[in-house]
């Protein structure tokens, strides 16, 4: 009986550790691309129209995007020097960003 109880406790501890490790791997996939910011901190303002297919930003920029009258602000802080992804990945729920690609260049302060 003692062995069965010990095995159950060990198994529960392993599952709990595995669960927390899984959660810490990437709890927020958007975090790899930056974070939401307040509109007052925006360095740039970009309006996304029907013909917009891409936008260019720099790593470290804070940009306010306006899409169909709805706005959101994003501070770009990517893990790689250069990155490309769909704007829809960072747009908040309710904002239809369409098929716009964001190209993030390395920060000009650190270009060598």
Protein backbone atom coordinates (compact mmCIF):
# COMPACT_ATOMS: atom_id res chain seq x y z
CA UNK A 1 0.00 0.00 0.00
CA UNK A 2 2.82 2.41 0.85
CA UNK A 3 4.49 1.73 -2.51
CA UNK A 4 1.24 2.40 -4.40
CA UNK A 5 0.76 5.70 -2.55
CA UNK A 6 4.36 6.74 -3.17
CA UNK A 7 4.05 5.87 -6.87
CA UNK A 8 0.84 7.92 -7.13
CA UNK A 9 2.45 10.94 -5.46
CA UNK A 10 5.53 10.72 -7.69
CA UNK A 11 3.38 10.37 -10.82
CA UNK A 12 1.28 13.39 -9.78
CA UNK A 13 4.44 15.45 -9.19
CA UNK A 14 5.84 14.51 -12.59
CA UNK A 15 2.58 15.41 -14.34
CA UNK A 16 2.40 18.74 -12.49
CA UNK A 17 5.99 19.56 -13.45
CA UNK A 18 5.38 18.60 -17.08
CA UNK A 19 2.24 20.75 -17.14
CA UNK A 20 4.02 23.81 -15.79
CA UNK A 21 6.92 23.29 -18.19
CA UNK A 22 4.46 23.09 -21.09
CA UNK A 23 2.79 26.32 -19.97
CA UNK A 24 6.10 28.14 -19.61
CA UNK A 25 7.32 27.20 -23.08
CA UNK A 26 5.18 29.86 -24.73
CA UNK A 27 2.13 31.00 -22.82
CA UNK A 28 1.59 33.94 -25.18
CA UNK A 29 2.74 33.46 -28.79
CA UNK A 30 2.30 37.18 -29.45
CA UNK A 31 5.07 37.91 -26.93
CA UNK A 32 7.64 36.82 -29.54
CA UNK A 33 6.50 39.72 -31.70
CA UNK A 34 6.17 42.46 -29.11
CA UNK A 35 3.32 43.75 -26.99
CA UNK A 36 0.24 45.92 -27.08
CA UNK A 37 0.89 49.55 -26.17
CA UNK A 38 -1.10 52.68 -25.44
CA UNK A 39 -1.89 54.91 -28.41
CA UNK A 40 -0.13 57.92 -26.85
CA UNK A 41 3.22 56.08 -27.07
CA UNK A 42 3.02 55.54 -30.85
CA UNK A 43 5.98 56.72 -32.94
CA UNK A 44 4.11 56.14 -36.18
CA UNK A 45 0.54 55.84 -37.42
CA UNK A 46 -0.32 53.49 -40.28
CA UNK A 47 -3.74 53.26 -41.91
CA UNK A 48 -4.49 49.89 -43.46
CA UNK A 49 -6.65 50.25 -46.57
CA UNK A 50 -8.23 47.75 -48.95
CA UNK A 51 -5.13 47.79 -51.17
CA UNK A 52 -2.57 47.46 -48.37
CA UNK A 53 -0.58 44.23 -48.74
CA UNK A 54 2.39 44.92 -46.46
CA UNK A 55 3.83 47.40 -43.97
CA UNK A 56 7.44 48.00 -43.02
CA UNK A 57 8.44 48.72 -39.42
CA UNK A 58 11.63 48.58 -37.37
CA UNK A 59 12.22 46.47 -34.32
CA UNK A 60 11.63 48.83 -31.40
CA UNK A 61 8.96 50.91 -33.19
CA UNK A 62 5.62 51.57 -31.54
CA UNK A 63 2.95 51.84 -34.23
CA UNK A 64 -0.72 52.70 -34.11
CA UNK A 65 -2.62 50.79 -36.81
CA UNK A 66 -6.02 51.93 -38.04
CA UNK A 67 -8.05 49.27 -39.84
CA UNK A 68 -11.59 50.05 -41.01
CA UNK A 69 -11.97 52.76 -38.36
CA UNK A 70 -10.66 50.57 -35.51
CA UNK A 71 -7.25 51.27 -34.00
CA UNK A 72 -4.71 49.34 -31.99
CA UNK A 73 -1.14 50.11 -31.00
CA UNK A 74 1.75 47.63 -31.01
CA UNK A 75 5.33 47.88 -29.78
CA UNK A 76 7.54 45.65 -31.95
CA UNK A 77 10.10 43.63 -30.01
CA UNK A 78 10.88 40.55 -32.06
CA UNK A 79 13.32 37.80 -31.17
CA UNK A 80 15.09 37.82 -34.54
CA UNK A 81 16.85 40.71 -36.24
CA UNK A 82 14.34 40.51 -39.10
CA UNK A 83 10.87 39.04 -39.02
CA UNK A 84 7.79 38.79 -41.26
CA UNK A 85 4.31 37.77 -40.14
CA UNK A 86 0.62 38.46 -40.76
CA UNK A 87 -0.77 41.57 -39.10
CA UNK A 88 -3.74 39.44 -38.04
CA UNK A 89 -1.42 37.66 -35.56
CA UNK A 90 -1.18 40.79 -33.40
CA UNK A 91 -4.50 42.48 -34.19
CA UNK A 92 -6.96 42.34 -31.30
CA UNK A 93 -10.18 40.40 -31.59
CA UNK A 94 -12.72 42.30 -33.65
CA UNK A 95 -10.14 43.93 -35.95
CA UNK A 96 -10.09 42.35 -39.40
CA UNK A 97 -6.53 43.00 -40.59
CA UNK A 98 -6.99 40.99 -43.79
CA UNK A 99 -3.93 39.59 -45.55
CA UNK A 100 -1.39 42.25 -44.61
CA UNK A 101 2.20 41.17 -44.00
CA UNK A 102 4.31 43.05 -41.45
CA UNK A 103 8.02 43.19 -42.28
CA UNK A 104 10.09 44.01 -39.21
CA UNK A 105 13.62 45.24 -39.94
CA UNK A 106 16.40 45.30 -37.37
CA UNK A 107 16.53 48.32 -35.12
CA UNK A 108 18.52 51.09 -36.88
CA UNK A 109 20.26 51.94 -33.60
CA UNK A 110 21.95 48.54 -33.62
CA UNK A 111 22.71 48.08 -37.30
CA UNK A 112 26.39 47.75 -37.89
